[in-house]
């Protein structure tokens, strides 16, 4: 009986019209934007903090040694020729984009699951 009713609705195009109020749409949009901003901020902060963690680890957690290496890197950068500086900057930009993109793709499924759960919980539908 249920299948016949569904087929009749499909045949005659009599579907119940969903009721979406402006308030619910704005609330849902705001929730998605807030969650997405938090996701983006935490991803970027993590990606920016990873090099510091790696350099501290390689320096044996010695801040003096870390700053000595950073000073050495800064001296080499300052004394390098223009094309070498540009190549180094592009390599850093590429590494950042690859790391940020990879980390985002890694975290994206969990973010979408969490977002769907929050939308279901906070924006119940009929």
N, C-alpha and C. Protein backbone atom coordinates (compact mmCIF):
# COMPACT_ATOMS: atom_id res chain seq x y z
N UNK A 1 0.82 -1.19 0.00
CA UNK A 1 0.00 0.00 0.00
C UNK A 1 0.87 1.25 0.00
N UNK A 2 1.95 1.23 0.76
CA UNK A 2 2.85 2.37 0.84
C UNK A 2 3.53 2.63 -0.50
N UNK A 3 3.92 1.57 -1.20
CA UNK A 3 4.58 1.70 -2.49
C UNK A 3 3.63 2.32 -3.52
N UNK A 4 2.36 1.90 -3.49
CA UNK A 4 1.39 2.46 -4.42
C UNK A 4 1.19 3.95 -4.18
N UNK A 5 1.16 4.37 -2.94
CA UNK A 5 1.00 5.78 -2.61
C UNK A 5 2.21 6.56 -3.11
N UNK A 6 3.39 6.01 -2.92
CA UNK A 6 4.60 6.67 -3.38
C UNK A 6 4.63 6.77 -4.90
N UNK A 7 4.24 5.68 -5.57
CA UNK A 7 4.21 5.70 -7.04
C UNK A 7 3.18 6.69 -7.55
N UNK A 8 2.05 6.80 -6.86
CA UNK A 8 1.03 7.76 -7.26
C UNK A 8 1.56 9.19 -7.12
N UNK A 9 2.28 9.45 -6.05
CA UNK A 9 2.86 10.78 -5.85
C UNK A 9 3.88 11.09 -6.94
N UNK A 10 4.69 10.10 -7.29
CA UNK A 10 5.69 10.31 -8.33
C UNK A 10 5.00 10.57 -9.67
N UNK A 11 3.98 9.78 -9.95
CA UNK A 11 3.29 9.90 -11.24
C UNK A 11 2.60 11.25 -11.39
N UNK A 12 1.96 11.71 -10.34
CA UNK A 12 1.18 12.95 -10.42
C UNK A 12 1.93 14.17 -9.90
N UNK A 13 3.14 13.96 -9.40
CA UNK A 13 3.95 15.08 -8.92
C UNK A 13 3.39 15.76 -7.69
N UNK A 14 2.74 15.01 -6.81
CA UNK A 14 2.18 15.61 -5.60
C UNK A 14 3.08 15.28 -4.42
N UNK A 15 4.11 16.05 -4.30
CA UNK A 15 5.02 15.88 -3.17
C UNK A 15 4.72 16.92 -2.12
N UNK A 16 4.87 16.56 -0.86
CA UNK A 16 4.69 17.58 0.17
C UNK A 16 5.81 18.62 0.05
N UNK A 17 5.47 19.88 0.12
CA UNK A 17 6.47 20.94 -0.01
C UNK A 17 7.18 21.12 1.33
N UNK A 18 8.50 21.11 1.29
CA UNK A 18 9.23 21.28 2.55
C UNK A 18 9.06 22.70 3.07
N UNK A 19 8.99 22.79 4.38
CA UNK A 19 8.84 24.10 5.01
C UNK A 19 10.22 24.51 5.54
N UNK A 20 10.81 25.47 4.86
CA UNK A 20 12.09 25.99 5.30
C UNK A 20 11.88 27.46 5.61
N UNK A 21 12.04 27.80 6.85
CA UNK A 21 11.88 29.19 7.23
C UNK A 21 13.21 29.91 7.07
N UNK A 22 13.14 31.19 6.91
CA UNK A 22 14.34 32.00 6.75
C UNK A 22 15.21 31.90 8.00
N UNK A 23 14.58 31.90 9.15
CA UNK A 23 15.32 31.85 10.41
C UNK A 23 16.14 30.56 10.51
N UNK A 24 15.54 29.42 10.18
CA UNK A 24 16.27 28.16 10.23
C UNK A 24 17.40 28.12 9.22
N UNK A 25 17.17 28.70 8.05
CA UNK A 25 18.20 28.72 7.03
C UNK A 25 19.39 29.58 7.47
N UNK A 26 19.10 30.72 8.08
CA UNK A 26 20.17 31.61 8.56
C UNK A 26 20.92 30.94 9.71
N UNK A 27 20.19 30.29 10.61
CA UNK A 27 20.84 29.59 11.72
C UNK A 27 21.75 28.48 11.21
N UNK A 28 21.28 27.70 10.26
CA UNK A 28 22.08 26.63 9.70
C UNK A 28 23.31 27.15 8.98
N UNK A 29 23.14 28.25 8.24
CA UNK A 29 24.26 28.85 7.53
C UNK A 29 25.30 29.37 8.51
N UNK A 30 24.85 30.03 9.55
CA UNK A 30 25.78 30.55 10.57
C UNK A 30 26.53 29.41 11.26
N UNK A 31 25.83 28.34 11.57
CA UNK A 31 26.47 27.19 12.20
C UNK A 31 27.56 26.61 11.29
N UNK A 32 27.24 26.45 10.02
CA UNK A 32 28.22 25.91 9.07
C UNK A 32 29.42 26.85 8.95
N UNK A 33 29.17 28.15 8.86
CA UNK A 33 30.27 29.11 8.72
C UNK A 33 31.16 29.14 9.96
N UNK A 34 30.57 29.08 11.14
CA UNK A 34 31.35 29.07 12.38
C UNK A 34 32.19 27.80 12.47
N UNK A 35 31.59 26.67 12.16
CA UNK A 35 32.33 25.40 12.21
C UNK A 35 33.45 25.39 11.17
N UNK A 36 33.18 25.89 9.97
CA UNK A 36 34.20 25.91 8.92
C UNK A 36 35.35 26.85 9.29
N UNK A 37 35.03 27.98 9.89
CA UNK A 37 36.09 28.91 10.31
C UNK A 37 36.96 28.28 11.39
N UNK A 38 36.34 27.60 12.34
CA UNK A 38 37.11 26.90 13.37
C UNK A 38 37.99 25.81 12.79
N UNK A 39 37.45 25.07 11.83
CA UNK A 39 38.21 24.02 11.16
C UNK A 39 39.41 24.60 10.43
N UNK A 40 39.18 25.68 9.68
CA UNK A 40 40.26 26.31 8.91
C UNK A 40 41.33 26.89 9.84
N UNK A 41 40.91 27.56 10.91
CA UNK A 41 41.87 28.15 11.83
C UNK A 41 42.70 27.09 12.53
N UNK A 42 42.06 26.03 13.00
CA UNK A 42 42.83 24.99 13.70
C UNK A 42 43.77 24.25 12.74
N UNK A 43 43.35 24.08 11.50
CA UNK A 43 44.22 23.44 10.51
C UNK A 43 45.43 24.31 10.22
N UNK A 44 45.22 25.60 10.00
CA UNK A 44 46.34 26.49 9.70
C UNK A 44 47.29 26.63 10.88
N UNK A 45 46.76 26.73 12.09
CA UNK A 45 47.63 26.84 13.26
C UNK A 45 48.45 25.57 13.46
N UNK A 46 47.85 24.42 13.20
CA UNK A 46 48.58 23.17 13.32
C UNK A 46 49.69 23.08 12.27
N UNK A 47 49.36 23.44 11.03
CA UNK A 47 50.36 23.39 9.96
C UNK A 47 51.49 24.38 10.22
N UNK A 48 51.18 25.55 10.74
CA UNK A 48 52.22 26.52 11.05
C UNK A 48 53.05 26.10 12.26
N UNK A 49 52.48 25.35 13.17
CA UNK A 49 53.22 24.91 14.35
C UNK A 49 54.07 23.67 14.11
N UNK A 50 53.78 22.91 13.06
CA UNK A 50 54.56 21.70 12.79
C UNK A 50 56.04 21.97 12.55
N UNK A 51 56.42 22.98 11.74
CA UNK A 51 57.87 23.22 11.57
C UNK A 51 58.57 23.57 12.88
N UNK A 52 57.92 24.35 13.72
CA UNK A 52 58.52 24.67 15.02
C UNK A 52 58.75 23.41 15.83
N UNK A 53 57.76 22.53 15.85
CA UNK A 53 57.91 21.26 16.58
C UNK A 53 59.08 20.45 16.02
N UNK A 54 59.15 20.35 14.69
CA UNK A 54 60.22 19.56 14.06
C UNK A 54 61.58 20.16 14.35
N UNK A 55 61.71 21.49 14.23
CA UNK A 55 63.00 22.12 14.49
C UNK A 55 63.39 22.00 15.95
N UNK A 56 62.44 22.14 16.85
CA UNK A 56 62.75 21.94 18.27
C UNK A 56 63.17 20.50 18.55
N UNK A 57 62.50 19.56 17.92
CA UNK A 57 62.85 18.15 18.09
C UNK A 57 64.27 17.89 17.59
N UNK A 58 64.58 18.43 16.40
CA UNK A 58 65.92 18.22 15.83
C UNK A 58 67.00 18.92 16.66
N UNK A 59 66.65 20.01 17.32
CA UNK A 59 67.61 20.73 18.15
C UNK A 59 67.71 20.14 19.55
N UNK A 60 67.02 19.04 19.78
CA UNK A 60 67.07 18.41 21.10
C UNK A 60 66.39 19.23 22.17
N UNK A 61 65.38 19.98 21.81
CA UNK A 61 64.59 20.82 22.70
C UNK A 61 65.43 21.93 23.34
N UNK A 62 66.56 22.26 22.72
CA UNK A 62 67.45 23.32 23.20
C UNK A 62 67.15 24.60 22.40
N UNK A 63 66.58 25.60 23.08
CA UNK A 63 66.20 26.83 22.38
C UNK A 63 67.43 27.60 21.88
N UNK A 64 68.53 27.54 22.60
CA UNK A 64 69.75 28.21 22.15
C UNK A 64 70.23 27.65 20.82
N UNK A 65 70.22 26.33 20.71
CA UNK A 65 70.63 25.69 19.47
C UNK A 65 69.63 25.98 18.35
N UNK A 66 68.35 26.01 18.67
CA UNK A 66 67.33 26.32 17.67
C UNK A 66 67.55 27.72 17.10
N UNK A 67 67.76 28.71 17.98
CA UNK A 67 67.95 30.08 17.49
C UNK A 67 69.28 30.24 16.77
N UNK A 68 70.28 29.48 17.15
CA UNK A 68 71.56 29.51 16.42
C UNK A 68 71.35 29.01 14.99
N UNK A 69 70.59 27.93 14.83
CA UNK A 69 70.31 27.41 13.49
C UNK A 69 69.45 28.37 12.68
N UNK A 70 68.47 29.00 13.33
CA UNK A 70 67.65 29.99 12.62
C UNK A 70 68.48 31.20 12.21
N UNK A 71 69.41 31.61 13.07
CA UNK A 71 70.31 32.71 12.72
C UNK A 71 71.20 32.34 11.54
N UNK A 72 71.69 31.11 11.53
CA UNK A 72 72.50 30.62 10.42
C UNK A 72 71.68 30.63 9.13
N UNK A 73 70.44 30.16 9.20
CA UNK A 73 69.56 30.16 8.04
C UNK A 73 69.30 31.60 7.56
N UNK A 74 69.08 32.52 8.50
CA UNK A 74 68.83 33.92 8.14
C UNK A 74 70.07 34.54 7.48
N UNK A 75 71.26 34.21 7.98
CA UNK A 75 72.49 34.73 7.36
C UNK A 75 72.65 34.21 5.94
N UNK A 76 72.39 32.94 5.74
CA UNK A 76 72.49 32.36 4.39
C UNK A 76 71.45 33.00 3.45
N UNK A 77 70.26 33.23 3.96
CA UNK A 77 69.21 33.84 3.14
C UNK A 77 69.60 35.28 2.76
N UNK A 78 70.15 36.02 3.74
CA UNK A 78 70.52 37.41 3.49
C UNK A 78 71.67 37.52 2.49
N UNK A 79 72.58 36.56 2.50
CA UNK A 79 73.73 36.63 1.60
C UNK A 79 73.47 35.97 0.24
N UNK A 80 72.33 35.34 0.07
CA UNK A 80 72.02 34.66 -1.19
C UNK A 80 71.67 35.67 -2.26
N UNK A 81 71.84 35.25 -3.51
CA UNK A 81 71.47 36.10 -4.64
C UNK A 81 69.96 36.09 -4.82
N UNK A 82 69.46 37.04 -5.59
CA UNK A 82 68.02 37.21 -5.80
C UNK A 82 67.30 35.97 -6.29
N UNK A 83 67.80 35.30 -7.36
CA UNK A 83 67.10 34.10 -7.84
C UNK A 83 67.06 32.96 -6.81
N UNK A 84 68.10 32.85 -6.01
CA UNK A 84 68.12 31.81 -4.98
C UNK A 84 67.09 32.12 -3.89
N UNK A 85 66.95 33.40 -3.56
CA UNK A 85 65.95 33.80 -2.56
C UNK A 85 64.54 33.50 -3.08
N UNK A 86 64.31 33.84 -4.34
CA UNK A 86 62.98 33.60 -4.93
C UNK A 86 62.68 32.10 -4.96
N UNK A 87 63.68 31.29 -5.33
CA UNK A 87 63.48 29.84 -5.37
C UNK A 87 63.19 29.29 -3.98
N UNK A 88 63.92 29.80 -2.97
CA UNK A 88 63.69 29.35 -1.59
C UNK A 88 62.29 29.74 -1.14
N UNK A 89 61.87 30.97 -1.45
CA UNK A 89 60.53 31.43 -1.06
C UNK A 89 59.45 30.59 -1.73
N UNK A 90 59.63 30.28 -3.00
CA UNK A 90 58.65 29.45 -3.70
C UNK A 90 58.61 28.04 -3.14
N UNK A 91 59.77 27.51 -2.79
CA UNK A 91 59.79 26.18 -2.18
C UNK A 91 59.05 26.16 -0.84
N UNK A 92 59.25 27.21 -0.04
CA UNK A 92 58.54 27.30 1.24
C UNK A 92 57.03 27.43 1.03
N UNK A 93 56.64 28.23 0.05
CA UNK A 93 55.22 28.39 -0.23
C UNK A 93 54.60 27.08 -0.70
N UNK A 94 55.30 26.39 -1.57
CA UNK A 94 54.80 25.11 -2.07
C UNK A 94 54.71 24.08 -0.94
N UNK A 95 55.73 24.04 -0.09
CA UNK A 95 55.69 23.10 1.03
C UNK A 95 54.53 23.41 1.97
N UNK A 96 54.29 24.70 2.22
CA UNK A 96 53.17 25.08 3.08
C UNK A 96 51.84 24.67 2.47
N UNK A 97 51.67 24.95 1.17
CA UNK A 97 50.41 24.60 0.51
C UNK A 97 50.19 23.09 0.48
N UNK A 98 51.23 22.32 0.20
CA UNK A 98 51.09 20.86 0.17
C UNK A 98 50.77 20.33 1.56
N UNK A 99 51.48 20.83 2.57
CA UNK A 99 51.23 20.39 3.94
C UNK A 99 49.83 20.77 4.40
N UNK A 100 49.42 22.01 4.13
CA UNK A 100 48.09 22.45 4.54
C UNK A 100 47.01 21.68 3.79
N UNK A 101 47.18 21.48 2.49
CA UNK A 101 46.20 20.73 1.72
C UNK A 101 46.10 19.28 2.15
N UNK A 102 47.24 18.65 2.37
CA UNK A 102 47.23 17.25 2.81
C UNK A 102 46.60 17.10 4.19
N UNK A 103 46.94 17.99 5.09
CA UNK A 103 46.38 17.92 6.44
C UNK A 103 44.88 18.20 6.42
N UNK A 104 44.46 19.13 5.56
CA UNK A 104 43.03 19.42 5.42
C UNK A 104 42.28 18.20 4.90
N UNK A 105 42.82 17.57 3.87
CA UNK A 105 42.17 16.37 3.33
C UNK A 105 42.12 15.25 4.36
N UNK A 106 43.15 15.16 5.18
CA UNK A 106 43.18 14.13 6.22
C UNK A 106 42.10 14.37 7.27
N UNK A 107 41.87 15.62 7.63
CA UNK A 107 40.90 15.97 8.68
C UNK A 107 39.48 16.15 8.16
N UNK A 108 39.30 16.30 6.86
CA UNK A 108 38.00 16.64 6.29
C UNK A 108 36.89 15.63 6.60
N UNK A 109 37.11 14.32 6.48
CA UNK A 109 36.00 13.39 6.80
C UNK A 109 35.48 13.51 8.23
N UNK A 110 36.37 13.68 9.18
CA UNK A 110 35.93 13.84 10.58
C UNK A 110 35.17 15.15 10.76
N UNK A 111 35.63 16.20 10.09
CA UNK A 111 34.93 17.48 10.17
C UNK A 111 33.52 17.38 9.61
N UNK A 112 33.37 16.71 8.48
CA UNK A 112 32.04 16.58 7.87
C UNK A 112 31.12 15.75 8.75
N UNK A 113 31.64 14.66 9.34
CA UNK A 113 30.82 13.87 10.27
C UNK A 113 30.38 14.69 11.47
N UNK A 114 31.33 15.46 12.04
CA UNK A 114 31.00 16.29 13.20
C UNK A 114 29.98 17.37 12.83
N UNK A 115 30.14 17.96 11.66
CA UNK A 115 29.21 18.99 11.21
C UNK A 115 27.81 18.41 10.98
N UNK A 116 27.73 17.26 10.37
CA UNK A 116 26.42 16.61 10.15
C UNK A 116 25.76 16.27 11.48
N UNK A 117 26.53 15.81 12.43
CA UNK A 117 25.99 15.49 13.75
C UNK A 117 25.44 16.75 14.42
N UNK A 118 26.20 17.83 14.36
CA UNK A 118 25.73 19.08 14.98
C UNK A 118 24.51 19.62 14.28
N UNK A 119 24.47 19.52 12.96
CA UNK A 119 23.29 20.00 12.23
C UNK A 119 22.06 19.19 12.58
N UNK A 120 22.22 17.88 12.69
CA UNK A 120 21.08 17.02 13.07
C UNK A 120 20.60 17.33 14.48
N UNK A 121 21.55 17.56 15.40
CA UNK A 121 21.19 17.80 16.78
C UNK A 121 20.59 19.19 16.99
N UNK A 122 21.16 20.19 16.35
CA UNK A 122 20.72 21.55 16.61
C UNK A 122 19.70 22.08 15.62
N UNK A 123 19.55 21.40 14.50
CA UNK A 123 18.59 21.84 13.48
C UNK A 123 17.69 20.67 13.10
N UNK A 124 16.87 20.18 14.04
CA UNK A 124 16.03 19.03 13.72
C UNK A 124 15.00 19.38 12.65
N UNK A 125 14.74 18.42 11.80
CA UNK A 125 13.72 18.65 10.78
C UNK A 125 12.56 17.69 11.00
N UNK A 126 11.46 17.99 10.32
CA UNK A 126 10.22 17.24 10.52
C UNK A 126 10.36 15.79 10.11
